[in-house]
Amino acid sequence: MLSYSLRRLASAVPTLLLLITIAFFLIRVAPGGPFDSERGLPPDIEANLAAKYQLDEPLIVQYGRYLWQIARLDFGPSFHYLDWTVNDLIAQGAPVSFLLGALALLLALLVGVPIGAWAAWRQNRPSDYTVMSLAMIGISVPNFVLAPLLILLFAITLGWLPAGGWEYSPSRMVLPVITLALPMIAYIARITRGSMIEVLHSSFIRTARAKGMPEKTVLIHHALKPALLPVISYLGPAAAGILTGSVVVERIFTIPGIGSYFVQGALNRDYTLVMGVVILYGLLIIAFNFFVDLIYAWLDPRIRYDEVEGKT
């Protein structure tokens, strides 16, 4: 396991370098610049700004300079937020986005896994069809449609919850967390159902039932753990997807997370801010997938990465 972990970490370096390279050149060749506005700046002032931020240098020189900054964990100054560095903005917005994403992922697991397992146990019955139909609706409705509907119902019509803004209080978190979690609940429920059905038809489950074990014991202690393997595989990209999906949710609920900074940075051509958020998302995706592989081996004793590498 140790050698496999080291190999995966080593392979993450060129992957991250490729991501940085593609993002750097794509954003630089896009039309417009960080100092463009409806009222154009005088040429001499624009030249001074470009010289201050080294934007007058050849693109390849800017790329090399930026790689050196990244190696020192310095994402540079923001072109739009004066007197703020990208590190400061990420440090301010990341805890909010991470808290929303963690709560949404936890809620999706706590609700989606039991629903999917119950639907598998009630396979081909009206309750199974009902649950899976609701799950399909949850998958089909995007966040930018779901969020206004929840605001209209719970904030405007019923007046139970605030419509937006941010504080570290349950009332402010409920609507954005539910908005992020509902599509994930639907995905996890469907994945759990399909996996659980396959496990329930396995030979070791038939053996457990033949020994007279209660159905509850068979489901929880024997079928659930192997049925969670596809769910764990899904959690890696899903966790990163929740963070990237929070871009829309944060804008709708006016939450000061890194998603809001990313949108504002893209609109203002804030090169360094957009690059900083892209790199952070890339690191999270790589890290989540790495941890998923480790959890996979813990859940399934048959998986031993070091032994597989030795055979190959």
Protein backbone atom coordinates (compact mmCIF):
# COMPACT_ATOMS: atom_id res chain seq x y z
CA MET A 1 0.00 0.00 0.00
CA LEU A 2 2.83 2.41 0.82
CA SER A 3 4.54 2.01 -2.55
CA TYR A 4 1.21 2.41 -4.34
CA SER A 5 0.48 5.58 -2.37
CA LEU A 6 3.86 7.05 -3.25
CA ARG A 7 3.39 6.20 -6.94
CA ARG A 8 -0.02 7.88 -6.95
CA LEU A 9 1.34 10.99 -5.28
CA ALA A 10 4.21 11.12 -7.79
CA SER A 11 1.80 10.80 -10.72
CA ALA A 12 -0.25 13.71 -9.35
CA VAL A 13 2.60 16.15 -10.03
CA PRO A 14 2.54 15.98 -13.87
CA THR A 15 -1.27 15.94 -13.78
CA LEU A 16 -1.33 19.15 -11.78
CA LEU A 17 1.35 20.71 -13.99
CA LEU A 18 -0.71 19.93 -17.08
CA LEU A 19 -3.78 21.49 -15.46
CA ILE A 20 -1.86 24.66 -14.58
CA THR A 21 -0.41 24.92 -18.09
CA ILE A 22 -3.74 24.51 -19.90
CA ALA A 23 -5.57 26.91 -17.57
CA PHE A 24 -2.79 29.51 -17.74
CA PHE A 25 -2.69 29.74 -21.53
CA LEU A 26 -6.46 29.44 -22.02
CA ILE A 27 -7.25 32.36 -19.77
CA ARG A 28 -4.46 34.49 -21.27
CA VAL A 29 -5.59 33.96 -24.88
CA ALA A 30 -9.24 34.73 -24.05
CA PRO A 31 -10.48 38.12 -25.30
CA GLY A 32 -10.18 41.03 -22.90
CA GLY A 33 -7.87 41.77 -20.02
CA PRO A 34 -7.96 42.52 -16.30
CA PHE A 35 -7.91 46.29 -16.86
CA ASP A 36 -10.55 46.47 -19.60
CA SER A 37 -13.69 48.41 -18.76
CA GLU A 38 -16.44 50.38 -20.44
CA ARG A 39 -14.32 53.48 -19.97
CA GLY A 40 -10.93 52.76 -21.48
CA LEU A 41 -7.78 53.76 -19.62
CA PRO A 42 -5.25 56.15 -21.16
CA PRO A 43 -2.50 54.21 -22.96
CA ASP A 44 0.26 55.35 -20.61
CA ILE A 45 -1.68 54.29 -17.48
CA GLU A 46 -2.52 50.95 -19.04
CA ALA A 47 1.14 50.44 -19.92
CA ASN A 48 2.18 51.25 -16.35
CA LEU A 49 -0.33 48.73 -14.96
CA ALA A 50 0.89 46.06 -17.36
CA ALA A 51 4.48 46.73 -16.33
CA LYS A 52 3.60 46.59 -12.62
CA TYR A 53 2.03 43.12 -12.96
CA GLN A 54 4.61 41.89 -15.55
CA LEU A 55 1.87 41.57 -18.19
CA ASP A 56 4.12 43.28 -20.73
CA GLU A 57 6.56 40.37 -20.70
CA PRO A 58 6.43 37.52 -23.24
CA LEU A 59 3.81 34.91 -22.37
CA ILE A 60 6.34 32.14 -21.84
CA VAL A 61 8.24 34.34 -19.36
CA GLN A 62 5.02 35.05 -17.48
CA TYR A 63 4.33 31.31 -17.40
CA GLY A 64 7.75 30.52 -15.94
CA ARG A 65 7.40 33.28 -13.37
CA TYR A 66 3.98 31.97 -12.37
CA LEU A 67 5.28 28.40 -11.94
CA TRP A 68 7.97 29.72 -9.61
CA GLN A 69 5.32 31.55 -7.59
CA ILE A 70 3.18 28.41 -7.35
CA ALA A 71 6.21 26.43 -6.17
CA ARG A 72 6.45 28.91 -3.29
CA LEU A 73 2.67 28.60 -2.64
CA ASP A 74 2.17 32.20 -3.75
CA PHE A 75 -0.82 32.73 -6.08
CA GLY A 76 0.02 36.38 -6.58
CA PRO A 77 -1.99 39.59 -6.13
CA SER A 78 -5.57 39.97 -7.23
CA PHE A 79 -6.06 42.31 -10.20
CA HIS A 80 -9.56 43.28 -9.08
CA TYR A 81 -9.56 43.26 -5.26
CA LEU A 82 -7.07 45.98 -4.38
CA ASP A 83 -4.64 45.26 -1.52
CA TRP A 84 -5.74 41.61 -1.50
CA THR A 85 -3.70 38.62 -2.58
CA VAL A 86 -5.27 35.49 -4.02
CA ASN A 87 -4.03 33.58 -0.98
CA ASP A 88 -5.99 35.97 1.26
CA LEU A 89 -9.17 35.59 -0.79
CA ILE A 90 -8.94 31.79 -0.84
CA ALA A 91 -8.22 31.71 2.90
CA GLN A 92 -11.32 33.83 3.47
CA GLY A 93 -13.70 31.97 1.13
CA ALA A 94 -12.48 28.36 1.36
CA PRO A 95 -13.76 27.64 4.91
CA VAL A 96 -17.26 28.70 3.88
CA SER A 97 -17.28 26.58 0.72
CA PHE A 98 -15.70 23.60 2.49
CA LEU A 99 -18.27 23.75 5.30
CA LEU A 100 -21.16 23.87 2.84
CA GLY A 101 -19.71 21.02 0.79
CA ALA A 102 -18.96 18.84 3.82
CA LEU A 103 -22.45 19.28 5.26
CA ALA A 104 -24.07 18.60 1.89
CA LEU A 105 -21.97 15.47 1.34
CA LEU A 106 -22.71 14.20 4.85
CA LEU A 107 -26.43 14.79 4.36
CA ALA A 108 -26.33 13.02 0.98
CA LEU A 109 -24.68 9.95 2.52
CA LEU A 110 -26.95 9.82 5.57
CA VAL A 111 -30.08 10.02 3.41
CA GLY A 112 -29.05 8.47 0.08
CA VAL A 113 -27.49 5.22 1.34
CA PRO A 114 -30.47 4.14 3.52
CA ILE A 115 -32.94 5.08 0.80
CA GLY A 116 -31.03 3.10 -1.83
CA ALA A 117 -30.63 0.07 0.45
CA TRP A 118 -34.33 0.14 1.33
CA ALA A 119 -35.30 0.40 -2.35
CA ALA A 120 -33.08 -2.61 -3.14
CA TRP A 121 -34.73 -4.60 -0.34
CA ARG A 122 -38.15 -3.66 -1.80
CA GLN A 123 -37.05 -4.36 -5.37
CA ASN A 124 -39.75 -4.22 -8.07
CA ARG A 125 -42.42 -3.11 -5.60
CA PRO A 126 -44.41 0.15 -5.79
CA SER A 127 -42.27 1.71 -3.04
CA ASP A 128 -39.11 0.92 -5.05
CA TYR A 129 -40.52 2.51 -8.21
CA THR A 130 -41.66 5.57 -6.26
CA VAL A 131 -38.28 6.16 -4.63
CA MET A 132 -36.35 5.71 -7.88
CA SER A 133 -38.75 8.01 -9.75
CA LEU A 134 -38.17 10.72 -7.16
CA ALA A 135 -34.43 10.11 -7.44
CA MET A 136 -34.57 10.58 -11.19
CA ILE A 137 -36.39 13.88 -10.71
CA GLY A 138 -33.72 14.95 -8.24
CA ILE A 139 -31.01 14.18 -10.78
CA SER A 140 -32.81 16.02 -13.58
CA VAL A 141 -33.50 19.30 -11.76
CA PRO A 142 -30.37 21.54 -11.76
CA ASN A 143 -29.25 23.61 -8.78
CA PHE A 144 -30.08 26.93 -10.41
CA VAL A 145 -33.72 25.81 -10.72
CA LEU A 146 -33.94 24.09 -7.35
CA ALA A 147 -32.49 26.98 -5.34
CA PRO A 148 -35.08 29.62 -6.39
CA LEU A 149 -37.90 27.11 -5.78
CA LEU A 150 -36.67 26.46 -2.24
CA ILE A 151 -36.30 30.20 -1.62
CA LEU A 152 -39.81 30.82 -2.93
CA LEU A 153 -41.32 28.10 -0.74
CA PHE A 154 -39.42 28.31 2.55
CA ALA A 155 -38.25 31.94 2.58
CA ILE A 156 -40.93 33.95 0.79
CA THR A 157 -44.13 31.89 1.10
CA LEU A 158 -43.66 30.26 4.51
CA GLY A 159 -41.11 32.69 5.95
CA TRP A 160 -39.32 29.93 7.87
CA LEU A 161 -35.79 30.58 6.63
CA PRO A 162 -33.75 33.54 5.31
CA ALA A 163 -33.48 33.84 1.54
CA GLY A 164 -29.78 34.57 1.45
CA GLY A 165 -26.74 35.98 3.15
CA TRP A 166 -24.25 34.13 5.31
CA GLU A 167 -23.66 33.53 8.97
CA TYR A 168 -22.37 30.48 10.82
CA SER A 169 -25.88 29.63 11.96
CA PRO A 170 -28.17 26.70 11.05
CA SER A 171 -30.91 28.93 9.65
CA ARG A 172 -28.50 30.41 7.06
CA MET A 173 -27.06 27.01 6.11
CA VAL A 174 -30.23 24.96 5.65
CA LEU A 175 -31.31 26.08 2.18
CA PRO A 176 -27.88 26.11 0.46
CA VAL A 177 -26.93 22.74 2.02
CA ILE A 178 -30.20 21.14 0.92
CA THR A 179 -29.80 22.62 -2.56
CA LEU A 180 -26.34 21.09 -2.89
CA ALA A 181 -27.30 17.77 -1.29
CA LEU A 182 -30.55 16.88 -3.09
CA PRO A 183 -29.03 15.92 -6.47
CA MET A 184 -26.28 14.02 -4.65
CA ILE A 185 -28.88 12.14 -2.58
CA ALA A 186 -30.55 11.02 -5.78
CA TYR A 187 -27.28 9.80 -7.32
CA ILE A 188 -26.16 7.96 -4.19
CA ALA A 189 -29.58 6.34 -3.75
CA ARG A 190 -29.56 4.96 -7.29
CA ILE A 191 -25.97 3.74 -7.05
CA THR A 192 -26.61 2.09 -3.67
CA ARG A 193 -29.75 0.39 -4.94
CA GLY A 194 -28.03 -1.09 -8.00
CA SER A 195 -25.03 -2.25 -6.00
CA MET A 196 -27.13 -3.67 -3.17
CA ILE A 197 -29.29 -5.67 -5.58
CA GLU A 198 -26.17 -7.22 -7.09
CA VAL A 199 -24.75 -8.06 -3.65
CA LEU A 200 -28.03 -9.53 -2.40
CA HIS A 201 -27.87 -12.08 -5.24
CA SER A 202 -24.33 -13.14 -4.32
CA SER A 203 -23.53 -16.62 -3.05
CA PHE A 204 -22.30 -15.50 0.39
CA ILE A 205 -25.62 -13.74 1.00
CA ARG A 206 -27.51 -16.90 0.10
CA THR A 207 -25.25 -18.79 2.51
CA ALA A 208 -25.97 -16.32 5.32
CA ARG A 209 -29.70 -16.65 4.75
CA ALA A 210 -29.43 -20.43 4.63
CA LYS A 211 -27.83 -20.35 8.09
CA GLY A 212 -30.98 -18.69 9.40
CA MET A 213 -29.58 -15.22 10.01
CA PRO A 214 -32.17 -12.43 10.42
CA GLU A 215 -32.72 -10.36 7.31
CA LYS A 216 -31.66 -7.19 9.15
CA THR A 217 -28.32 -8.79 10.05
CA VAL A 218 -27.81 -9.98 6.49
CA LEU A 219 -28.47 -6.51 5.09
CA ILE A 220 -26.44 -4.44 7.56
CA HIS A 221 -23.55 -6.72 8.50
CA HIS A 222 -23.01 -8.66 5.28
CA ALA A 223 -24.48 -6.83 2.27
CA LEU A 224 -24.01 -3.15 3.10
CA LYS A 225 -20.22 -2.99 3.24
CA PRO A 226 -19.50 -4.49 -0.23
CA ALA A 227 -22.48 -2.58 -1.64
CA LEU A 228 -20.82 0.69 -0.60
CA LEU A 229 -17.81 0.19 -2.91
CA PRO A 230 -19.41 1.87 -5.96
CA VAL A 231 -20.64 4.66 -3.69
CA ILE A 232 -17.10 5.22 -2.41
CA SER A 233 -15.82 5.33 -6.00
CA TYR A 234 -18.42 7.97 -6.77
CA LEU A 235 -17.55 10.09 -3.72
CA GLY A 236 -14.18 11.21 -5.09
CA PRO A 237 -15.45 13.22 -8.06
CA ALA A 238 -18.72 13.90 -6.23
CA ALA A 239 -16.96 15.72 -3.39
CA ALA A 240 -15.13 17.94 -5.87
CA GLY A 241 -18.37 18.29 -7.84
CA ILE A 242 -20.15 19.64 -4.78
CA LEU A 243 -17.46 22.29 -4.37
CA THR A 244 -17.56 23.30 -8.03
CA GLY A 245 -21.36 23.12 -8.02
CA SER A 246 -21.39 25.50 -5.10
CA VAL A 247 -20.35 28.24 -7.54
CA VAL A 248 -23.97 28.66 -8.65
CA VAL A 249 -25.43 28.12 -5.20
CA GLU A 250 -23.14 30.66 -3.59
CA ARG A 251 -24.11 33.28 -6.13
CA ILE A 252 -27.84 32.63 -5.66
CA PHE A 253 -27.68 32.73 -1.86
CA THR A 254 -25.02 35.52 -1.80
CA ILE A 255 -22.55 33.39 0.14
CA PRO A 256 -18.93 34.68 0.25
CA GLY A 257 -17.22 31.42 -0.72
CA ILE A 258 -14.54 30.69 -3.27
CA GLY A 259 -17.24 29.95 -5.83
CA SER A 260 -18.37 33.57 -5.72
CA TYR A 261 -14.78 34.76 -6.04
CA PHE A 262 -14.28 32.46 -9.02
CA VAL A 263 -17.31 33.85 -10.88
CA GLN A 264 -16.32 37.42 -10.12
CA GLY A 265 -12.73 36.72 -11.14
CA ALA A 266 -13.85 35.24 -14.47
CA LEU A 267 -16.07 38.23 -15.22
CA ASN A 268 -13.28 40.69 -14.39
CA ARG A 269 -10.50 38.71 -16.14
CA ASP A 270 -8.74 38.46 -12.79
CA TYR A 271 -6.11 36.02 -14.06
CA THR A 272 -4.45 35.19 -10.77
CA LEU A 273 -7.72 34.69 -8.87
CA VAL A 274 -9.16 32.36 -11.49
CA MET A 275 -5.91 30.40 -11.66
CA GLY A 276 -5.74 30.10 -7.88
CA VAL A 277 -9.26 28.65 -7.64
CA VAL A 278 -8.68 26.29 -10.58
CA ILE A 279 -5.49 24.95 -8.98
CA LEU A 280 -7.27 24.51 -5.66
CA TYR A 281 -10.09 22.55 -7.32
CA GLY A 282 -7.55 20.42 -9.18
CA LEU A 283 -5.72 19.60 -5.95
CA LEU A 284 -9.00 18.65 -4.30
CA ILE A 285 -10.01 16.31 -7.12
CA ILE A 286 -6.61 14.58 -7.04
CA ALA A 287 -6.71 14.29 -3.24
CA PHE A 288 -10.28 12.99 -3.13
CA ASN A 289 -9.58 10.32 -5.74
CA PHE A 290 -6.45 9.29 -3.86
CA PHE A 291 -8.33 8.88 -0.58
CA VAL A 292 -11.09 6.96 -2.36
CA ASP A 293 -8.54 4.38 -3.52
CA LEU A 294 -7.28 3.95 0.04
CA ILE A 295 -10.80 3.59 1.45
CA TYR A 296 -11.56 1.07 -1.29
CA ALA A 297 -8.79 -1.19 -0.05
CA TRP A 298 -10.03 -0.83 3.53
CA LEU A 299 -13.59 -1.80 2.62
CA ASP A 300 -12.63 -4.72 0.39
CA PRO A 301 -9.85 -6.94 1.84
CA ARG A 302 -9.45 -8.60 -1.57
CA ILE A 303 -7.90 -5.40 -2.92
CA ARG A 304 -4.17 -5.19 -2.24
CA TYR A 305 -2.50 -2.68 -4.50
CA ASP A 306 1.04 -3.72 -3.64
CA GLU A 307 0.32 -7.34 -4.55
CA VAL A 308 -1.24 -6.27 -7.84
CA GLU A 309 1.83 -4.19 -8.69
CA GLY A 310 4.10 -7.13 -7.82
CA LYS A 311 2.25 -9.39 -10.22
CA THR A 312 2.42 -6.83 -13.00
